[in-house]
Amino acid sequence: MGENNFCEKTQTLIAIGAATAANCIPCFEHLYEKAITTGITGEEISKAAEIAANVKNGAHKAVSGVVEELTGSQENGCLSCGRTAGGSCC
């Protein structure tokens, strides 16, 4: 695999993660087609989307935890990364 191909694949996978985190279906669909023509496998696409979803969910839990802590409605929850919602996210 050449350096240019690696860079294009890496950039496309990062963009897929960003589209997933932004909930942008048209972006994801466009990038999916680009990924397939670049030689990225379905498994690689799924993994990039999964990582983005985990980061997004962790950030959401962190914000929810801060809201709950400040309003006194509940204690901090645990995040999927092992940190508590009152701390920084993954």
Protein backbone atom coordinates (compact mmCIF):
# COMPACT_ATOMS: atom_id res chain seq x y z
CA MET A 1 0.00 0.00 0.00
CA GLY A 2 1.44 3.36 -1.06
CA GLU A 3 1.71 6.37 1.19
CA ASN A 4 -0.94 8.34 -0.75
CA ASN A 5 -3.41 5.45 -0.50
CA PHE A 6 -2.82 5.21 3.25
CA CYS A 7 -3.34 8.93 3.71
CA GLU A 8 -6.55 8.91 1.67
CA LYS A 9 -7.88 5.91 3.61
CA THR A 10 -6.99 7.50 6.94
CA GLN A 11 -8.61 10.81 6.00
CA THR A 12 -11.75 9.04 4.79
CA LEU A 13 -12.03 7.00 8.00
CA ILE A 14 -11.61 10.15 10.09
CA ALA A 15 -14.31 11.86 8.02
CA ILE A 16 -16.60 8.84 8.50
CA GLY A 17 -16.10 9.17 12.25
CA ALA A 18 -16.88 12.88 12.12
CA ALA A 19 -20.01 12.28 10.03
CA THR A 20 -21.15 9.64 12.49
CA ALA A 21 -20.56 11.90 15.49
CA ALA A 22 -22.43 14.72 13.74
CA ASN A 23 -25.37 12.43 12.85
CA CYS A 24 -25.00 13.54 9.22
CA ILE A 25 -26.55 10.77 7.12
CA PRO A 26 -25.89 12.45 3.73
CA CYS A 27 -22.24 12.95 4.73
CA PHE A 28 -21.93 9.35 5.85
CA GLU A 29 -23.53 8.03 2.65
CA HIS A 30 -21.18 10.13 0.50
CA LEU A 31 -18.15 9.05 2.52
CA TYR A 32 -19.26 5.42 2.46
CA GLU A 33 -19.15 5.43 -1.35
CA LYS A 34 -15.74 7.11 -1.28
CA ALA A 35 -14.51 4.58 1.27
CA ILE A 36 -15.56 1.61 -0.82
CA THR A 37 -13.84 3.00 -3.94
CA THR A 38 -10.73 3.70 -1.84
CA GLY A 39 -10.54 0.07 -0.78
CA ILE A 40 -11.76 0.47 2.79
CA THR A 41 -13.60 -2.60 4.02
CA GLY A 42 -17.04 -2.66 5.61
CA GLU A 43 -15.39 -3.82 8.82
CA GLU A 44 -13.08 -0.77 8.85
CA ILE A 45 -16.02 1.56 8.19
CA SER A 46 -18.02 -0.03 11.00
CA LYS A 47 -15.09 0.28 13.41
CA ALA A 48 -14.61 3.99 12.61
CA ALA A 49 -18.33 4.62 13.14
CA GLU A 50 -18.29 2.60 16.37
CA ILE A 51 -15.35 4.58 17.79
CA ALA A 52 -17.06 7.87 16.90
CA ALA A 53 -20.31 6.74 18.52
CA ASN A 54 -18.47 5.72 21.70
CA VAL A 55 -16.75 9.12 21.94
CA LYS A 56 -20.02 10.93 21.26
CA ASN A 57 -21.91 8.82 23.82
CA GLY A 58 -19.16 9.36 26.39
CA ALA A 59 -19.32 13.12 25.89
CA HIS A 60 -23.11 13.05 26.22
CA LYS A 61 -22.89 11.07 29.45
CA ALA A 62 -20.28 13.50 30.77
CA VAL A 63 -22.51 16.51 30.10
CA SER A 64 -25.54 14.72 31.56
CA GLY A 65 -23.51 13.88 34.65
CA VAL A 66 -22.50 17.50 35.16
CA VAL A 67 -26.13 18.63 34.76
CA GLU A 68 -27.25 16.02 37.28
CA GLU A 69 -24.44 16.95 39.69
CA LEU A 70 -25.12 20.68 39.51
CA THR A 71 -28.88 20.29 39.83
CA GLY A 72 -28.53 17.72 42.60
CA SER A 73 -30.66 15.22 40.74
CA GLN A 74 -28.21 12.30 40.74
CA GLU A 75 -24.59 11.32 41.29
CA ASN A 76 -22.05 11.19 38.47
CA GLY A 77 -22.43 8.18 36.23
CA CYS A 78 -19.68 5.97 34.89
CA LEU A 79 -18.65 6.39 31.28
CA SER A 80 -17.83 3.61 28.85
CA CYS A 81 -14.17 4.63 29.07
CA GLY A 82 -14.07 4.04 32.84
CA ARG A 83 -14.03 7.70 33.88
CA THR A 84 -16.77 9.42 35.81
CA ALA A 85 -19.17 11.86 34.18
CA GLY A 86 -17.77 14.77 36.20
CA GLY A 87 -14.33 14.31 34.66
CA SER A 88 -13.07 14.87 31.17
CA CYS A 89 -14.36 12.62 28.43
CA CYS A 90 -12.39 10.05 26.39
